[in-house]
Amino acid sequence: MHWPTMPSFRLTLAYDGTDFSGSQVQPSSRTVQGELERSLEALAGAPLRTTFGGRTDRGVHAAGQVAAASLPGWRGSCHDLQRALNAKLPRDIVATDVDTCDPAFNPRFDALWREYRYWLAPSIESPFLRRYAWTPGADVDVTAMVVGSRWLVGTHDFASFASSGDGVPWSERAKRPRGTIRQVFRCDCREIAVRASPGDEQNLRVIEFIVTADAFLPRMVRNFVGALVEVGRGRREAEWVGAVREKRDRRQGSVVAPPQGLTLHKIGY
């Protein structure tokens, strides 16, 4: 197979975000993008830049992050690149798939939707699960949280669930054409059974939140979860979630759920 001088590739990545300062490259910080570019540069023999389909914060994981990169002079197959890249990447990042793509492909702007999943494991003490789930002491009512989650589906102004200063009426984001309006296709939660480690002899009860939307605001999913946990603990009625949404002001929202329970599950194109 003959490749062009500058072949372009679409990379699907999975990573444990515990020891990263987020996905986006930052000076003097360990990031997913920084490690990926360092590994690709070792293969290409030249500096290069990558683009990512979604931004994950410090401590947030990914099972289906998508990145794009062009490698000057690469002559091997996609499978060759995947093997060579995984040999260079640190142990907490894996390229699960590599394919060619149009040089104009932009993983962020070409995305139609993104899906995040969040794990909540009430009252579970596990050194393994603690890296990938929020483990508060109090139990929650899943049925109540399912009812509350219905207020978060549809096209709405989600300013009350936007952090990093984007959720206040005077924010810079509020001046943009879309502002804080997003379309949420799915917001749901369910009980699942998992084993935290190979040595576990019984399944552990985990509550999994699934949120799919056309785009997300900063910490939007974690703020969704924080609000729904308030409902699940009986501190708020399910309708309160809708009332908070209509306030369009982050100062009226709930606490933010911690990052380790969140995973970027998949990006759709």
Protein backbone atom coordinates (compact mmCIF):
# COMPACT_ATOMS: atom_id res chain seq x y z
CA MET A 1 0.00 0.00 0.00
CA HIS A 2 1.34 3.43 -0.94
CA TRP A 3 0.78 6.27 1.48
CA PRO A 4 0.86 9.97 0.64
CA THR A 5 3.82 12.02 1.88
CA MET A 6 1.80 13.14 4.92
CA PRO A 7 -0.74 10.39 5.76
CA SER A 8 -3.39 11.29 8.32
CA PHE A 9 -4.69 8.95 11.00
CA ARG A 10 -7.66 8.73 13.32
CA LEU A 11 -6.63 7.29 16.68
CA THR A 12 -9.01 5.87 19.29
CA LEU A 13 -7.51 6.12 22.77
CA ALA A 14 -8.27 4.67 26.18
CA TYR A 15 -6.54 6.04 29.25
CA ASP A 16 -6.56 6.08 33.02
CA GLY A 17 -6.73 9.79 33.84
CA THR A 18 -5.65 9.46 37.48
CA ASP A 19 -2.10 10.68 36.98
CA PHE A 20 -2.78 13.23 34.23
CA SER A 21 -3.49 16.94 34.52
CA GLY A 22 -6.17 16.50 31.88
CA SER A 23 -6.14 15.68 28.18
CA GLN A 24 -5.12 19.05 26.73
CA VAL A 25 -1.41 19.82 26.49
CA GLN A 26 -0.16 22.20 29.20
CA PRO A 27 3.31 23.60 29.93
CA SER A 28 5.12 21.75 32.74
CA SER A 29 2.22 19.31 33.32
CA ARG A 30 1.75 15.67 32.36
CA THR A 31 -1.18 15.44 29.94
CA VAL A 32 -2.61 12.83 27.58
CA GLN A 33 -2.02 14.99 24.52
CA GLY A 34 1.54 15.71 25.58
CA GLU A 35 2.36 12.01 25.99
CA LEU A 36 0.67 11.14 22.70
CA GLU A 37 2.55 13.81 20.76
CA ARG A 38 5.84 12.80 22.36
CA SER A 39 5.30 9.17 21.32
CA LEU A 40 4.22 10.07 17.78
CA GLU A 41 7.16 12.41 17.34
CA ALA A 42 9.50 9.55 18.25
CA LEU A 43 7.96 7.53 15.41
CA ALA A 44 7.78 10.37 12.87
CA GLY A 45 11.17 11.85 13.67
CA ALA A 46 9.68 15.35 13.59
CA PRO A 47 7.52 17.60 15.79
CA LEU A 48 3.78 17.33 15.18
CA ARG A 49 0.46 18.35 16.69
CA THR A 50 -2.68 16.36 17.38
CA THR A 51 -6.32 17.36 17.75
CA PHE A 52 -8.70 15.69 20.22
CA GLY A 53 -12.41 15.01 19.99
CA GLY A 54 -13.16 15.82 23.63
CA ARG A 55 -11.46 17.53 26.51
CA THR A 56 -11.16 15.65 29.80
CA ASP A 57 -10.21 17.29 33.09
CA ARG A 58 -7.63 16.19 35.63
CA GLY A 59 -8.44 12.68 36.88
CA VAL A 60 -11.09 11.94 34.22
CA HIS A 61 -10.71 8.75 32.16
CA ALA A 62 -11.50 7.78 28.58
CA ALA A 63 -12.49 4.58 26.80
CA GLY A 64 -13.21 6.16 23.41
CA GLN A 65 -11.26 9.39 23.05
CA VAL A 66 -10.55 10.24 19.40
CA ALA A 67 -7.46 12.06 18.14
CA ALA A 68 -6.17 12.92 14.68
CA ALA A 69 -2.57 13.30 13.57
CA SER A 70 -0.54 13.49 10.37
CA LEU A 71 2.74 11.58 10.28
CA PRO A 72 5.26 12.76 7.69
CA GLY A 73 6.72 9.91 5.71
CA TRP A 74 5.00 7.06 7.54
CA ARG A 75 5.14 3.96 5.30
CA GLY A 76 3.63 1.25 7.47
CA SER A 77 0.06 0.05 7.84
CA CYS A 78 -2.47 1.21 10.43
CA HIS A 79 -1.81 -1.97 12.38
CA ASP A 80 1.93 -1.27 12.29
CA LEU A 81 1.31 2.23 13.62
CA GLN A 82 -0.94 0.95 16.39
CA ARG A 83 1.67 -1.57 17.55
CA ALA A 84 4.53 0.92 17.32
CA LEU A 85 2.57 3.63 19.10
CA ASN A 86 1.52 1.36 21.97
CA ALA A 87 5.15 0.37 22.41
CA LYS A 88 6.04 4.05 22.90
CA LEU A 89 3.06 5.21 24.97
CA PRO A 90 3.13 5.07 28.78
CA ARG A 91 1.23 2.25 30.46
CA ASP A 92 -1.81 4.40 31.29
CA ILE A 93 -2.61 5.18 27.62
CA VAL A 94 -3.50 2.66 24.90
CA ALA A 95 -4.38 3.15 21.24
CA THR A 96 -7.30 0.75 20.81
CA ASP A 97 -7.77 1.48 17.10
CA VAL A 98 -5.92 3.27 14.29
CA ASP A 99 -7.36 4.09 10.88
CA THR A 100 -6.60 6.45 8.04
CA CYS A 101 -8.68 9.62 7.69
CA ASP A 102 -9.10 12.66 5.50
CA PRO A 103 -6.49 15.32 6.37
CA ALA A 104 -9.39 17.73 6.92
CA PHE A 105 -10.96 15.49 9.62
CA ASN A 106 -11.32 17.38 12.90
CA PRO A 107 -12.25 15.11 15.82
CA ARG A 108 -13.76 17.99 17.78
CA PHE A 109 -15.75 19.92 15.18
CA ASP A 110 -16.84 16.89 13.13
CA ALA A 111 -18.33 15.13 16.17
CA LEU A 112 -22.12 14.72 16.19
CA TRP A 113 -22.36 13.56 19.80
CA ARG A 114 -20.32 12.47 22.78
CA GLU A 115 -21.22 10.00 25.51
CA TYR A 116 -19.90 10.13 29.05
CA ARG A 117 -20.44 7.56 31.79
CA TYR A 118 -20.07 8.10 35.50
CA TRP A 119 -19.74 5.46 38.22
CA LEU A 120 -21.15 5.92 41.71
CA ALA A 121 -20.43 3.19 44.26
CA PRO A 122 -22.04 4.11 47.60
CA SER A 123 -20.48 2.62 50.75
CA ILE A 124 -17.96 0.49 48.86
CA GLU A 125 -14.42 0.46 50.27
CA SER A 126 -12.06 -0.73 47.56
CA PRO A 127 -8.57 0.55 46.69
CA PHE A 128 -9.23 -0.49 43.08
CA LEU A 129 -12.72 0.85 42.49
CA ARG A 130 -11.85 4.11 44.22
CA ARG A 131 -9.79 5.11 41.17
CA TYR A 132 -12.80 4.82 38.86
CA ALA A 133 -15.86 5.61 40.96
CA TRP A 134 -17.17 8.06 43.52
CA THR A 135 -17.59 6.08 46.75
CA PRO A 136 -19.63 8.20 49.19
CA GLY A 137 -20.83 6.67 52.44
CA ALA A 138 -24.56 7.33 52.07
CA ASP A 139 -26.76 5.15 49.85
CA VAL A 140 -29.05 6.61 47.16
CA ASP A 141 -32.49 5.92 45.70
CA VAL A 142 -31.87 5.04 42.04
CA THR A 143 -35.55 5.32 41.10
CA ALA A 144 -35.66 8.92 42.34
CA MET A 145 -32.51 9.78 40.39
CA VAL A 146 -33.99 8.31 37.20
CA VAL A 147 -37.01 10.59 37.62
CA GLY A 148 -34.74 13.58 38.25
CA SER A 149 -32.63 12.81 35.19
CA ARG A 150 -35.63 13.34 32.91
CA TRP A 151 -35.40 17.08 33.54
CA LEU A 152 -31.98 17.07 31.88
CA VAL A 153 -33.01 15.58 28.51
CA GLY A 154 -33.70 17.85 25.54
CA THR A 155 -32.45 21.21 24.28
CA HIS A 156 -32.08 23.61 27.19
CA ASP A 157 -29.91 26.34 28.63
CA PHE A 158 -27.63 24.40 30.99
CA ALA A 159 -25.86 27.39 32.57
CA SER A 160 -26.75 26.07 36.04
CA PHE A 161 -24.60 23.01 35.29
CA ALA A 162 -21.58 24.82 33.77
CA SER A 163 -18.46 25.35 35.86
CA SER A 164 -15.23 27.29 35.26
CA GLY A 165 -17.10 30.60 35.30
CA ASP A 166 -19.27 29.70 32.31
CA GLY A 167 -22.47 29.31 34.31
CA VAL A 168 -22.98 32.87 35.55
CA PRO A 169 -25.10 35.41 33.61
CA TRP A 170 -22.14 37.69 32.87
CA SER A 171 -19.82 34.98 31.54
CA GLU A 172 -18.04 35.31 28.22
CA ARG A 173 -19.69 32.10 27.03
CA ALA A 174 -23.13 33.67 27.50
CA LYS A 175 -22.21 36.19 24.78
CA ARG A 176 -21.50 33.50 22.19
CA PRO A 177 -24.14 32.45 19.63
CA ARG A 178 -25.01 29.16 21.37
CA GLY A 179 -24.21 30.43 24.83
CA THR A 180 -24.87 27.62 27.30
CA ILE A 181 -27.58 25.90 25.24
CA ARG A 182 -26.92 22.23 24.54
CA GLN A 183 -28.97 19.26 23.35
CA VAL A 184 -28.91 16.25 25.67
CA PHE A 185 -30.08 13.10 23.85
CA ARG A 186 -29.89 10.81 26.85
CA CYS A 187 -29.51 11.19 30.60
CA ASP A 188 -30.16 8.06 32.59
CA CYS A 189 -28.83 5.94 35.44
CA ARG A 190 -28.95 2.24 36.21
CA GLU A 191 -27.54 -0.33 38.58
CA ILE A 192 -24.79 -2.59 37.24
CA ALA A 193 -22.66 -5.31 38.82
CA VAL A 194 -18.87 -5.11 38.60
CA ARG A 195 -15.84 -6.76 40.13
CA ALA A 196 -13.25 -4.29 41.33
CA SER A 197 -10.36 -6.73 40.92
CA PRO A 198 -9.69 -10.32 39.78
CA GLY A 199 -9.55 -11.41 43.43
CA ASP A 200 -13.11 -10.34 44.20
CA GLU A 201 -15.49 -13.26 44.61
CA GLN A 202 -18.69 -11.23 44.51
CA ASN A 203 -20.12 -8.53 42.31
CA LEU A 204 -20.27 -5.00 43.65
CA ARG A 205 -23.26 -2.70 43.18
CA VAL A 206 -22.37 0.30 41.06
CA ILE A 207 -24.72 2.99 39.76
CA GLU A 208 -23.84 4.06 36.24
CA PHE A 209 -24.93 7.42 34.83
CA ILE A 210 -25.04 7.70 31.03
CA VAL A 211 -25.17 11.14 29.39
CA THR A 212 -25.12 11.70 25.63
CA ALA A 213 -25.23 15.19 24.09
CA ASP A 214 -24.24 17.15 21.02
CA ALA A 215 -21.65 19.01 23.12
CA PHE A 216 -20.82 19.64 26.77
CA LEU A 217 -20.08 22.59 29.01
CA PRO A 218 -17.23 22.51 31.57
CA ARG A 219 -17.93 19.82 34.21
CA MET A 220 -21.50 19.51 32.96
CA VAL A 221 -21.81 15.77 33.56
CA ARG A 222 -20.22 15.98 37.01
CA ASN A 223 -22.67 18.75 37.91
CA PHE A 224 -25.56 16.61 36.62
CA VAL A 225 -24.40 13.78 38.86
CA GLY A 226 -23.98 16.07 41.86
CA ALA A 227 -27.57 17.27 41.48
CA LEU A 228 -29.00 13.79 40.98
CA VAL A 229 -27.18 12.47 44.04
CA GLU A 230 -28.89 15.19 46.09
CA VAL A 231 -32.18 13.76 44.84
CA GLY A 232 -31.06 10.18 45.47
CA ARG A 233 -30.16 10.97 49.06
CA GLY A 234 -33.62 12.45 49.64
CA ARG A 235 -32.34 15.98 50.22
CA ARG A 236 -34.25 17.29 47.19
CA GLU A 237 -37.31 16.31 45.20
CA ALA A 238 -36.84 15.20 41.59
CA GLU A 239 -38.56 18.36 40.33
CA TRP A 240 -35.81 20.44 41.94
CA VAL A 241 -33.48 19.42 39.10
CA GLY A 242 -35.79 21.13 36.60
CA ALA A 243 -36.06 24.20 38.83
CA VAL A 244 -32.26 24.49 39.01
CA ARG A 245 -32.04 24.14 35.24
CA GLU A 246 -34.47 27.01 34.75
CA LYS A 247 -32.44 29.31 37.05
CA ARG A 248 -29.69 29.38 34.39
CA ASP A 249 -27.17 30.30 37.06
CA ARG A 250 -24.47 27.98 38.36
CA ARG A 251 -24.66 29.60 41.80
CA GLN A 252 -28.06 27.94 42.20
CA GLY A 253 -26.72 24.47 41.41
CA SER A 254 -25.41 21.61 43.50
CA VAL A 255 -21.94 20.42 44.43
CA VAL A 256 -19.80 18.98 41.64
CA ALA A 257 -19.14 15.23 41.68
CA PRO A 258 -15.44 14.27 41.90
CA PRO A 259 -13.57 13.53 38.66
CA GLN A 260 -12.48 9.91 39.13
CA GLY A 261 -15.95 8.49 38.41
CA LEU A 262 -16.15 10.06 34.94
CA THR A 263 -15.18 8.39 31.66
CA LEU A 264 -15.45 9.70 28.09
CA HIS A 265 -17.07 6.58 26.67
CA LYS A 266 -17.55 7.26 22.96
CA ILE A 267 -17.69 9.96 20.30
CA GLY A 268 -20.04 9.68 17.33
CA TYR A 269 -19.37 10.98 13.81
